[in-house]
Amino acid sequence: MSGVVGGVVTVDLSADARTANVGSALAGLMIQQLVYTVTDAARDPSLAVLLTIDGEPAGELWGAVTWDAPVTRDDPNLVRMFVQIDNLWEGETVSSPVTVSGEACAFEANVPWKVLDADGAEVALGATQTSEGQTFAPYSFEVELDPGTYTVVITEDDPSDGEGGIPMSDSRRIIVE
């Protein structure tokens, strides 16, 4: 990632970036994933991102999209998971109480969660609130866990009992010492 020039960050990748075979729907999401990641790292969501490959504008990618001009973030409701854990890494070792935090775009600000042990048995269950409903907003909760391996799962609240589709979820396997 180079510096910011005129509100644009340029990311230069090697030709290996052209080898993905993802189809048109995922290609657009891959672009947005890179844009969100770069603008988060730069701590400025208003920046645009230009992708170059070996110093030249990326152009046609993956047989599905063209990236030859700076790209800004799309509407998060179109490209992001509605619930996400931001503070834990997959396989991370943590101590208890475990703090889980992230962002969610949640119905009535409600974010259900559960913790499963290594065998898949539910050992803790609850719900937390985002600071605002129906828009991406932060949430956080703590859970006391004995030493062991666990999976923390957060989901969208689903008052329709599945009539609106499968609720989005995010999970992390963690090790509590």
N, C-alpha and C. Protein backbone atom coordinates (compact mmCIF):
# COMPACT_ATOMS: atom_id res chain seq x y z
N MET A 1 0.87 -1.17 0.00
CA MET A 1 0.00 0.00 0.00
C MET A 1 0.91 1.23 0.00
N SER A 2 0.66 2.10 -0.93
CA SER A 2 1.43 3.35 -0.99
C SER A 2 0.74 4.42 -0.17
N GLY A 3 1.30 5.59 -0.15
CA GLY A 3 0.69 6.68 0.58
C GLY A 3 -0.59 7.17 -0.10
N VAL A 4 -1.24 8.11 0.55
CA VAL A 4 -2.47 8.67 0.03
C VAL A 4 -2.12 9.89 -0.83
N VAL A 5 -2.61 9.90 -2.06
CA VAL A 5 -2.41 11.02 -2.96
C VAL A 5 -3.76 11.43 -3.50
N GLY A 6 -4.18 12.65 -3.17
CA GLY A 6 -5.46 13.14 -3.67
C GLY A 6 -6.65 12.30 -3.24
N GLY A 7 -6.61 11.74 -2.02
CA GLY A 7 -7.72 10.94 -1.51
C GLY A 7 -7.77 9.52 -2.05
N VAL A 8 -6.68 9.09 -2.72
CA VAL A 8 -6.63 7.74 -3.30
C VAL A 8 -5.42 6.99 -2.76
N VAL A 9 -5.66 5.76 -2.32
CA VAL A 9 -4.58 4.86 -1.91
C VAL A 9 -4.37 3.87 -3.04
N THR A 10 -3.11 3.69 -3.46
CA THR A 10 -2.81 2.72 -4.51
C THR A 10 -2.25 1.47 -3.87
N VAL A 11 -2.80 0.33 -4.25
CA VAL A 11 -2.33 -0.97 -3.78
C VAL A 11 -1.75 -1.69 -4.99
N ASP A 12 -0.49 -2.08 -4.92
CA ASP A 12 0.17 -2.77 -6.03
C ASP A 12 0.39 -4.22 -5.66
N LEU A 13 -0.14 -5.13 -6.47
CA LEU A 13 0.02 -6.56 -6.25
C LEU A 13 0.80 -7.17 -7.41
N SER A 14 1.26 -8.39 -7.20
CA SER A 14 1.95 -9.11 -8.27
C SER A 14 0.93 -9.71 -9.23
N ALA A 15 1.39 -10.22 -10.34
CA ALA A 15 0.52 -10.85 -11.34
C ALA A 15 -0.24 -12.05 -10.78
N ASP A 16 0.22 -12.60 -9.65
CA ASP A 16 -0.50 -13.72 -9.03
C ASP A 16 -1.93 -13.32 -8.66
N ALA A 17 -2.19 -12.02 -8.50
CA ALA A 17 -3.53 -11.56 -8.14
C ALA A 17 -4.55 -11.87 -9.24
N ARG A 18 -4.08 -12.14 -10.45
CA ARG A 18 -4.99 -12.43 -11.56
C ARG A 18 -5.46 -13.88 -11.59
N THR A 19 -4.93 -14.74 -10.72
CA THR A 19 -5.19 -16.17 -10.84
C THR A 19 -6.47 -16.64 -10.18
N ALA A 20 -7.18 -15.79 -9.45
CA ALA A 20 -8.42 -16.21 -8.81
C ALA A 20 -9.47 -16.57 -9.86
N ASN A 21 -10.28 -17.57 -9.55
CA ASN A 21 -11.36 -17.98 -10.43
C ASN A 21 -12.63 -17.97 -9.58
N VAL A 22 -13.29 -16.81 -9.53
CA VAL A 22 -14.35 -16.64 -8.55
C VAL A 22 -15.72 -16.33 -9.12
N GLY A 23 -15.82 -15.98 -10.38
CA GLY A 23 -17.11 -15.60 -10.93
C GLY A 23 -17.44 -14.15 -10.65
N SER A 24 -18.43 -13.63 -11.35
CA SER A 24 -18.70 -12.19 -11.29
C SER A 24 -19.25 -11.72 -9.94
N ALA A 25 -20.11 -12.50 -9.30
CA ALA A 25 -20.66 -12.06 -8.02
C ALA A 25 -19.57 -11.94 -6.96
N LEU A 26 -18.73 -12.95 -6.86
CA LEU A 26 -17.67 -12.90 -5.85
C LEU A 26 -16.57 -11.91 -6.22
N ALA A 27 -16.35 -11.67 -7.51
CA ALA A 27 -15.32 -10.71 -7.92
C ALA A 27 -15.62 -9.32 -7.36
N GLY A 28 -16.88 -8.91 -7.45
CA GLY A 28 -17.26 -7.61 -6.90
C GLY A 28 -17.07 -7.55 -5.40
N LEU A 29 -17.40 -8.64 -4.71
CA LEU A 29 -17.20 -8.68 -3.26
C LEU A 29 -15.72 -8.69 -2.91
N MET A 30 -14.89 -9.35 -3.74
CA MET A 30 -13.44 -9.33 -3.48
C MET A 30 -12.90 -7.91 -3.57
N ILE A 31 -13.37 -7.16 -4.55
CA ILE A 31 -12.94 -5.76 -4.67
C ILE A 31 -13.35 -4.98 -3.43
N GLN A 32 -14.60 -5.14 -3.00
CA GLN A 32 -15.06 -4.41 -1.82
C GLN A 32 -14.31 -4.85 -0.57
N GLN A 33 -13.96 -6.14 -0.46
CA GLN A 33 -13.19 -6.60 0.70
C GLN A 33 -11.84 -5.88 0.75
N LEU A 34 -11.18 -5.75 -0.39
CA LEU A 34 -9.90 -5.05 -0.42
C LEU A 34 -10.10 -3.57 -0.10
N VAL A 35 -11.13 -2.95 -0.65
CA VAL A 35 -11.39 -1.53 -0.38
C VAL A 35 -11.65 -1.31 1.11
N TYR A 36 -12.51 -2.14 1.71
CA TYR A 36 -12.79 -1.99 3.15
C TYR A 36 -11.54 -2.24 3.98
N THR A 37 -10.74 -3.25 3.64
CA THR A 37 -9.53 -3.55 4.40
C THR A 37 -8.53 -2.40 4.33
N VAL A 38 -8.30 -1.88 3.14
CA VAL A 38 -7.32 -0.80 2.97
C VAL A 38 -7.80 0.48 3.67
N THR A 39 -9.07 0.82 3.52
CA THR A 39 -9.56 2.05 4.14
C THR A 39 -9.64 1.91 5.66
N ASP A 40 -9.89 0.69 6.17
CA ASP A 40 -9.81 0.47 7.62
C ASP A 40 -8.38 0.64 8.10
N ALA A 41 -7.42 0.06 7.38
CA ALA A 41 -6.01 0.17 7.77
C ALA A 41 -5.55 1.62 7.74
N ALA A 42 -6.05 2.38 6.79
CA ALA A 42 -5.69 3.80 6.69
C ALA A 42 -6.50 4.66 7.66
N ARG A 43 -7.49 4.05 8.32
CA ARG A 43 -8.38 4.74 9.26
C ARG A 43 -9.11 5.91 8.62
N ASP A 44 -9.50 5.71 7.33
CA ASP A 44 -10.24 6.75 6.63
C ASP A 44 -11.18 6.09 5.62
N PRO A 45 -12.43 5.83 6.01
CA PRO A 45 -13.36 5.15 5.11
C PRO A 45 -13.74 5.96 3.87
N SER A 46 -13.38 7.24 3.82
CA SER A 46 -13.73 8.06 2.66
C SER A 46 -12.73 7.91 1.51
N LEU A 47 -11.59 7.27 1.76
CA LEU A 47 -10.58 7.12 0.71
C LEU A 47 -11.07 6.22 -0.41
N ALA A 48 -10.51 6.42 -1.58
CA ALA A 48 -10.72 5.53 -2.72
C ALA A 48 -9.47 4.66 -2.84
N VAL A 49 -9.62 3.49 -3.45
CA VAL A 49 -8.52 2.55 -3.61
C VAL A 49 -8.34 2.25 -5.09
N LEU A 50 -7.11 2.36 -5.55
CA LEU A 50 -6.75 1.99 -6.92
C LEU A 50 -5.86 0.75 -6.86
N LEU A 51 -6.22 -0.28 -7.58
CA LEU A 51 -5.42 -1.49 -7.62
C LEU A 51 -4.55 -1.46 -8.86
N THR A 52 -3.25 -1.68 -8.65
CA THR A 52 -2.34 -1.87 -9.76
C THR A 52 -1.70 -3.25 -9.63
N ILE A 53 -1.32 -3.79 -10.75
CA ILE A 53 -0.63 -5.08 -10.77
C ILE A 53 0.69 -4.87 -11.48
N ASP A 54 1.75 -5.14 -10.76
CA ASP A 54 3.11 -4.88 -11.24
C ASP A 54 3.25 -3.46 -11.76
N GLY A 55 2.63 -2.50 -11.02
CA GLY A 55 2.77 -1.09 -11.33
C GLY A 55 1.84 -0.53 -12.38
N GLU A 56 1.01 -1.35 -12.99
CA GLU A 56 0.08 -0.91 -14.03
C GLU A 56 -1.36 -1.06 -13.53
N PRO A 57 -2.28 -0.20 -13.98
CA PRO A 57 -3.68 -0.37 -13.57
C PRO A 57 -4.14 -1.82 -13.79
N ALA A 58 -4.89 -2.35 -12.84
CA ALA A 58 -5.25 -3.77 -12.87
C ALA A 58 -6.06 -4.14 -14.10
N GLY A 59 -6.97 -3.28 -14.54
CA GLY A 59 -7.78 -3.59 -15.71
C GLY A 59 -8.71 -4.76 -15.46
N GLU A 60 -8.82 -5.64 -16.45
CA GLU A 60 -9.73 -6.79 -16.36
C GLU A 60 -9.19 -7.81 -15.36
N LEU A 61 -10.08 -8.26 -14.48
CA LEU A 61 -9.70 -9.22 -13.45
C LEU A 61 -10.67 -10.40 -13.44
N TRP A 62 -10.14 -11.58 -13.37
CA TRP A 62 -10.88 -12.81 -13.11
C TRP A 62 -11.97 -13.08 -14.13
N GLY A 63 -11.88 -12.47 -15.31
CA GLY A 63 -12.88 -12.67 -16.35
C GLY A 63 -14.23 -12.12 -15.99
N ALA A 64 -14.27 -11.26 -14.97
CA ALA A 64 -15.58 -10.84 -14.47
C ALA A 64 -15.73 -9.34 -14.23
N VAL A 65 -14.65 -8.65 -13.88
CA VAL A 65 -14.74 -7.23 -13.53
C VAL A 65 -13.54 -6.49 -14.11
N THR A 66 -13.66 -5.18 -14.17
CA THR A 66 -12.55 -4.32 -14.59
C THR A 66 -12.29 -3.33 -13.47
N TRP A 67 -11.03 -3.21 -13.06
CA TRP A 67 -10.64 -2.24 -12.02
C TRP A 67 -9.55 -1.36 -12.61
N ASP A 68 -9.98 -0.25 -13.21
CA ASP A 68 -9.01 0.65 -13.83
C ASP A 68 -9.14 2.08 -13.33
N ALA A 69 -9.96 2.28 -12.29
CA ALA A 69 -10.13 3.60 -11.67
C ALA A 69 -10.28 3.40 -10.17
N PRO A 70 -10.04 4.45 -9.38
CA PRO A 70 -10.21 4.33 -7.93
C PRO A 70 -11.64 3.89 -7.56
N VAL A 71 -11.73 3.04 -6.55
CA VAL A 71 -13.01 2.51 -6.08
C VAL A 71 -13.21 2.90 -4.62
N THR A 72 -14.42 3.35 -4.28
CA THR A 72 -14.76 3.67 -2.89
C THR A 72 -15.64 2.56 -2.33
N ARG A 73 -15.89 2.65 -1.05
CA ARG A 73 -16.74 1.67 -0.39
C ARG A 73 -18.17 1.71 -0.95
N ASP A 74 -18.72 0.52 -1.20
CA ASP A 74 -20.14 0.41 -1.53
C ASP A 74 -20.94 0.49 -0.23
N ASP A 75 -22.25 0.61 -0.38
CA ASP A 75 -23.16 0.59 0.76
C ASP A 75 -22.88 -0.68 1.57
N PRO A 76 -22.58 -0.56 2.86
CA PRO A 76 -22.24 -1.74 3.65
C PRO A 76 -23.37 -2.77 3.70
N ASN A 77 -24.62 -2.33 3.56
CA ASN A 77 -25.74 -3.27 3.56
C ASN A 77 -25.74 -4.18 2.34
N LEU A 78 -24.99 -3.81 1.32
CA LEU A 78 -24.92 -4.63 0.11
C LEU A 78 -23.71 -5.55 0.07
N VAL A 79 -22.68 -5.26 0.88
CA VAL A 79 -21.43 -6.02 0.73
C VAL A 79 -20.87 -6.62 2.02
N ARG A 80 -21.43 -6.29 3.16
CA ARG A 80 -20.89 -6.80 4.43
C ARG A 80 -21.81 -7.84 5.04
N MET A 81 -21.21 -8.72 5.84
CA MET A 81 -22.00 -9.59 6.70
C MET A 81 -22.67 -8.70 7.73
N PHE A 82 -23.91 -9.01 8.10
CA PHE A 82 -24.63 -8.16 9.04
C PHE A 82 -24.16 -8.32 10.48
N VAL A 83 -23.41 -9.37 10.77
CA VAL A 83 -22.82 -9.55 12.10
C VAL A 83 -21.37 -9.96 11.92
N GLN A 84 -20.48 -9.38 12.71
CA GLN A 84 -19.08 -9.77 12.61
C GLN A 84 -18.37 -9.59 13.94
N ILE A 85 -17.48 -10.54 14.20
CA ILE A 85 -16.60 -10.47 15.37
C ILE A 85 -15.30 -9.83 14.89
N ASP A 86 -14.91 -8.74 15.53
CA ASP A 86 -13.73 -8.00 15.08
C ASP A 86 -12.51 -8.15 15.97
N ASN A 87 -12.68 -8.55 17.22
CA ASN A 87 -11.54 -8.49 18.14
C ASN A 87 -10.86 -9.83 18.39
N LEU A 88 -11.40 -10.92 17.90
CA LEU A 88 -10.79 -12.23 18.13
C LEU A 88 -10.31 -12.82 16.81
N TRP A 89 -9.15 -13.45 16.85
CA TRP A 89 -8.60 -14.16 15.69
C TRP A 89 -8.94 -15.63 15.81
N GLU A 90 -9.12 -16.30 14.71
CA GLU A 90 -9.34 -17.74 14.70
C GLU A 90 -8.16 -18.43 15.36
N GLY A 91 -8.43 -19.27 16.39
CA GLY A 91 -7.39 -20.01 17.08
C GLY A 91 -6.62 -19.21 18.12
N GLU A 92 -7.04 -17.99 18.39
CA GLU A 92 -6.34 -17.13 19.34
C GLU A 92 -6.46 -17.68 20.77
N THR A 93 -5.39 -17.52 21.54
CA THR A 93 -5.40 -17.87 22.95
C THR A 93 -5.71 -16.61 23.76
N VAL A 94 -6.74 -16.72 24.62
CA VAL A 94 -7.21 -15.57 25.41
C VAL A 94 -7.39 -16.01 26.85
N SER A 95 -7.60 -15.05 27.73
CA SER A 95 -7.90 -15.36 29.12
C SER A 95 -9.35 -14.99 29.42
N SER A 96 -9.87 -15.55 30.50
CA SER A 96 -11.25 -15.31 30.90
C SER A 96 -11.30 -14.18 31.92
N PRO A 97 -12.30 -13.32 31.89
CA PRO A 97 -13.45 -13.36 31.00
C PRO A 97 -13.05 -12.95 29.58
N VAL A 98 -13.72 -13.56 28.60
CA VAL A 98 -13.46 -13.29 27.19
C VAL A 98 -14.35 -12.15 26.75
N THR A 99 -13.74 -11.13 26.17
CA THR A 99 -14.49 -10.02 25.60
C THR A 99 -14.67 -10.29 24.11
N VAL A 100 -15.89 -10.18 23.65
CA VAL A 100 -16.21 -10.34 22.23
C VAL A 100 -16.81 -9.03 21.76
N SER A 101 -16.26 -8.48 20.67
CA SER A 101 -16.80 -7.23 20.17
C SER A 101 -16.71 -7.20 18.65
N GLY A 102 -17.49 -6.32 18.08
CA GLY A 102 -17.51 -6.17 16.63
C GLY A 102 -18.56 -5.17 16.24
N GLU A 103 -19.08 -5.36 15.02
CA GLU A 103 -20.16 -4.52 14.52
C GLU A 103 -21.26 -5.42 14.00
N ALA A 104 -22.47 -4.92 14.09
CA ALA A 104 -23.62 -5.65 13.57
C ALA A 104 -24.66 -4.66 13.08
N CYS A 105 -25.37 -5.05 12.06
CA CYS A 105 -26.55 -4.33 11.58
C CYS A 105 -27.72 -5.22 11.99
N ALA A 106 -28.26 -4.96 13.17
CA ALA A 106 -29.14 -5.92 13.82
C ALA A 106 -30.56 -5.39 13.98
N PHE A 107 -31.52 -6.28 13.76
CA PHE A 107 -32.93 -5.96 13.99
C PHE A 107 -33.12 -5.57 15.44
N GLU A 108 -33.67 -4.40 15.66
CA GLU A 108 -33.90 -3.86 17.00
C GLU A 108 -32.65 -3.91 17.88
N ALA A 109 -31.46 -3.84 17.24
CA ALA A 109 -30.16 -3.78 17.92
C ALA A 109 -29.81 -5.05 18.70
N ASN A 110 -30.52 -6.14 18.46
CA ASN A 110 -30.33 -7.39 19.23
C ASN A 110 -29.38 -8.34 18.51
N VAL A 111 -28.34 -8.78 19.21
CA VAL A 111 -27.36 -9.71 18.65
C VAL A 111 -27.25 -10.94 19.56
N PRO A 112 -27.92 -12.04 19.20
CA PRO A 112 -27.79 -13.28 19.99
C PRO A 112 -26.40 -13.89 19.83
N TRP A 113 -25.94 -14.56 20.89
CA TRP A 113 -24.64 -15.23 20.85
C TRP A 113 -24.71 -16.52 21.64
N LYS A 114 -23.77 -17.41 21.32
CA LYS A 114 -23.62 -18.64 22.09
C LYS A 114 -22.16 -19.06 22.04
N VAL A 115 -21.79 -19.90 23.00
CA VAL A 115 -20.44 -20.45 23.06
C VAL A 115 -20.58 -21.97 23.09
N LEU A 116 -19.84 -22.63 22.21
CA LEU A 116 -19.84 -24.09 22.13
C LEU A 116 -18.50 -24.62 22.60
N ASP A 117 -18.51 -25.76 23.29
CA ASP A 117 -17.24 -26.37 23.69
C ASP A 117 -16.66 -27.15 22.50
N ALA A 118 -15.51 -27.81 22.73
CA ALA A 118 -14.82 -28.52 21.65
C ALA A 118 -15.66 -29.64 21.05
N ASP A 119 -16.64 -30.16 21.80
CA ASP A 119 -17.52 -31.21 21.30
C ASP A 119 -18.78 -30.66 20.64
N GLY A 120 -18.94 -29.35 20.61
CA GLY A 120 -20.11 -28.72 20.00
C GLY A 120 -21.27 -28.51 20.95
N ALA A 121 -21.06 -28.81 22.23
CA ALA A 121 -22.13 -28.60 23.22
C ALA A 121 -22.18 -27.13 23.62
N GLU A 122 -23.38 -26.60 23.76
CA GLU A 122 -23.57 -25.21 24.16
C GLU A 122 -23.23 -25.05 25.64
N VAL A 123 -22.31 -24.12 25.95
CA VAL A 123 -21.90 -23.91 27.34
C VAL A 123 -22.28 -22.52 27.85
N ALA A 124 -22.62 -21.61 26.96
CA ALA A 124 -23.06 -20.27 27.35
C ALA A 124 -23.95 -19.73 26.24
N LEU A 125 -24.89 -18.88 26.64
CA LEU A 125 -25.88 -18.37 25.70
C LEU A 125 -26.31 -16.99 26.18
N GLY A 126 -26.55 -16.09 25.25
CA GLY A 126 -27.02 -14.77 25.64
C GLY A 126 -27.33 -13.91 24.44
N ALA A 127 -27.52 -12.65 24.70
CA ALA A 127 -27.74 -11.66 23.65
C ALA A 127 -27.13 -10.35 24.13
N THR A 128 -26.66 -9.57 23.20
CA THR A 128 -26.13 -8.26 23.50
C THR A 128 -26.82 -7.26 22.59
N GLN A 129 -26.57 -6.00 22.81
CA GLN A 129 -27.20 -4.95 22.03
C GLN A 129 -26.14 -4.12 21.32
N THR A 130 -26.44 -3.72 20.09
CA THR A 130 -25.62 -2.73 19.43
C THR A 130 -26.05 -1.36 19.95
N SER A 131 -25.28 -0.35 19.63
CA SER A 131 -25.63 0.99 20.10
C SER A 131 -26.79 1.59 19.32
N GLU A 132 -27.15 0.97 18.18
CA GLU A 132 -28.24 1.48 17.35
C GLU A 132 -28.74 0.34 16.47
N GLY A 133 -30.03 0.24 16.26
CA GLY A 133 -30.60 -0.84 15.45
C GLY A 133 -30.65 -0.51 13.97
N GLN A 134 -30.71 -1.55 13.14
CA GLN A 134 -30.88 -1.48 11.70
C GLN A 134 -29.81 -0.68 10.96
N THR A 135 -28.67 -0.49 11.58
CA THR A 135 -27.52 0.12 10.92
C THR A 135 -26.27 -0.47 11.57
N PHE A 136 -25.14 -0.47 10.87
CA PHE A 136 -23.93 -1.03 11.46
C PHE A 136 -23.52 -0.21 12.67
N ALA A 137 -23.43 -0.89 13.80
CA ALA A 137 -23.09 -0.24 15.06
C ALA A 137 -22.31 -1.24 15.91
N PRO A 138 -21.49 -0.73 16.84
CA PRO A 138 -20.68 -1.63 17.67
C PRO A 138 -21.49 -2.37 18.73
N TYR A 139 -20.98 -3.53 19.10
CA TYR A 139 -21.51 -4.30 20.24
C TYR A 139 -20.31 -4.86 21.00
N SER A 140 -20.54 -5.27 22.23
CA SER A 140 -19.50 -5.90 23.03
C SER A 140 -20.15 -6.66 24.17
N PHE A 141 -19.57 -7.81 24.53
CA PHE A 141 -20.03 -8.55 25.71
C PHE A 141 -18.86 -9.36 26.26
N GLU A 142 -18.99 -9.76 27.51
CA GLU A 142 -17.99 -10.61 28.16
C GLU A 142 -18.65 -11.91 28.58
N VAL A 143 -17.86 -12.98 28.54
CA VAL A 143 -18.34 -14.28 29.00
C VAL A 143 -17.23 -14.98 29.76
N GLU A 144 -17.56 -15.50 30.93
CA GLU A 144 -16.61 -16.26 31.75
C GLU A 144 -16.53 -17.69 31.21
N LEU A 145 -15.33 -18.16 30.93
CA LEU A 145 -15.14 -19.51 30.42
C LEU A 145 -13.98 -20.18 31.15
N ASP A 146 -14.14 -21.47 31.46
CA ASP A 146 -13.05 -22.26 32.02
C ASP A 146 -12.00 -22.50 30.94
N PRO A 147 -10.77 -22.87 31.33
CA PRO A 147 -9.76 -23.19 30.31
C PRO A 147 -10.28 -24.28 29.36
N GLY A 148 -9.97 -24.10 28.09
CA GLY A 148 -10.40 -25.07 27.08
C GLY A 148 -10.52 -24.42 25.72
N THR A 149 -11.01 -25.21 24.76
CA THR A 149 -11.21 -24.73 23.39
C THR A 149 -12.71 -24.53 23.17
N TYR A 150 -13.06 -23.38 22.60
CA TYR A 150 -14.46 -23.01 22.42
C TYR A 150 -14.66 -22.37 21.05
N THR A 151 -15.91 -22.33 20.62
CA THR A 151 -16.31 -21.57 19.44
C THR A 151 -17.36 -20.57 19.88
N VAL A 152 -17.07 -19.30 19.63
CA VAL A 152 -18.02 -18.22 19.92
C VAL A 152 -18.78 -17.95 18.62
N VAL A 153 -20.11 -17.93 18.70
CA VAL A 153 -20.96 -17.73 17.52
C VAL A 153 -21.90 -16.56 17.80
N ILE A 154 -21.95 -15.60 16.89
CA ILE A 154 -22.94 -14.54 16.95
C ILE A 154 -23.81 -14.66 15.70
N THR A 155 -25.08 -14.28 15.82
CA THR A 155 -25.99 -14.37 14.68
C THR A 155 -26.88 -13.13 14.62
N GLU A 156 -27.52 -12.99 13.47
CA GLU A 156 -28.58 -12.00 13.37
C GLU A 156 -29.76 -12.49 14.19
N ASP A 157 -30.48 -11.58 14.78
CA ASP A 157 -31.73 -11.94 15.42
C ASP A 157 -32.72 -12.27 14.30
N ASP A 158 -33.51 -13.32 14.48
CA ASP A 158 -34.41 -13.76 13.43
C ASP A 158 -35.83 -13.92 13.97
N PRO A 159 -36.56 -12.80 14.14
CA PRO A 159 -37.93 -12.91 14.65
C PRO A 159 -38.88 -13.60 13.68
N SER A 160 -38.46 -13.81 12.41
CA SER A 160 -39.33 -14.46 11.43
C SER A 160 -39.22 -15.97 11.46
N ASP A 161 -38.36 -16.52 12.31
CA ASP A 161 -38.12 -17.96 12.37
C ASP A 161 -37.76 -18.55 11.02
N GLY A 162 -36.88 -17.87 10.29
CA GLY A 162 -36.35 -18.39 9.03
C GLY A 162 -37.11 -17.98 7.79
N GLU A 163 -38.26 -17.32 7.92
CA GLU A 163 -39.03 -16.92 6.74
C GLU A 163 -38.29 -15.88 5.90
N GLY A 164 -37.39 -15.12 6.51
CA GLY A 164 -36.63 -14.11 5.78
C GLY A 164 -35.31 -14.64 5.23
N GLY A 165 -35.09 -15.92 5.30
CA GLY A 165 -33.83 -16.51 4.85
C GLY A 165 -32.99 -16.93 6.04
N ILE A 166 -31.88 -17.55 5.75
CA ILE A 166 -30.98 -18.03 6.80
C ILE A 166 -30.26 -16.83 7.42
N PRO A 167 -30.33 -16.67 8.74
CA PRO A 167 -29.65 -15.54 9.38
C PRO A 167 -28.13 -15.63 9.20
N MET A 168 -27.50 -14.49 9.01
CA MET A 168 -26.04 -14.44 8.92
C MET A 168 -25.44 -14.68 10.29
N SER A 169 -24.25 -15.28 10.30
CA SER A 169 -23.54 -15.51 11.56
C SER A 169 -22.05 -15.36 11.34
N ASP A 170 -21.33 -15.22 12.44
CA ASP A 170 -19.87 -15.19 12.43
C ASP A 170 -19.41 -16.00 13.63
N SER A 171 -18.28 -16.63 13.51
CA SER A 171 -17.78 -17.45 14.62
C SER A 171 -16.26 -17.39 14.68
N ARG A 172 -15.74 -17.68 15.88
CA ARG A 172 -14.29 -17.79 16.09
C ARG A 172 -14.04 -18.94 17.06
N ARG A 173 -13.08 -19.78 16.69
CA ARG A 173 -12.60 -20.82 17.62
C ARG A 173 -11.49 -20.17 18.41
N ILE A 174 -11.60 -20.25 19.74
CA ILE A 174 -10.61 -19.65 20.63
C ILE A 174 -10.15 -20.67 21.65
N ILE A 175 -9.01 -20.41 22.24
CA ILE A 175 -8.47 -21.24 23.30
C ILE A 175 -8.38 -20.36 24.54
N VAL A 176 -9.03 -20.78 25.62
CA VAL A 176 -9.00 -20.04 26.87
C VAL A 176 -7.97 -20.70 27.77
N GLU A 177 -7.02 -19.90 28.26
CA GLU A 177 -5.97 -20.46 29.14
C GLU A 177 -6.30 -20.30 30.59
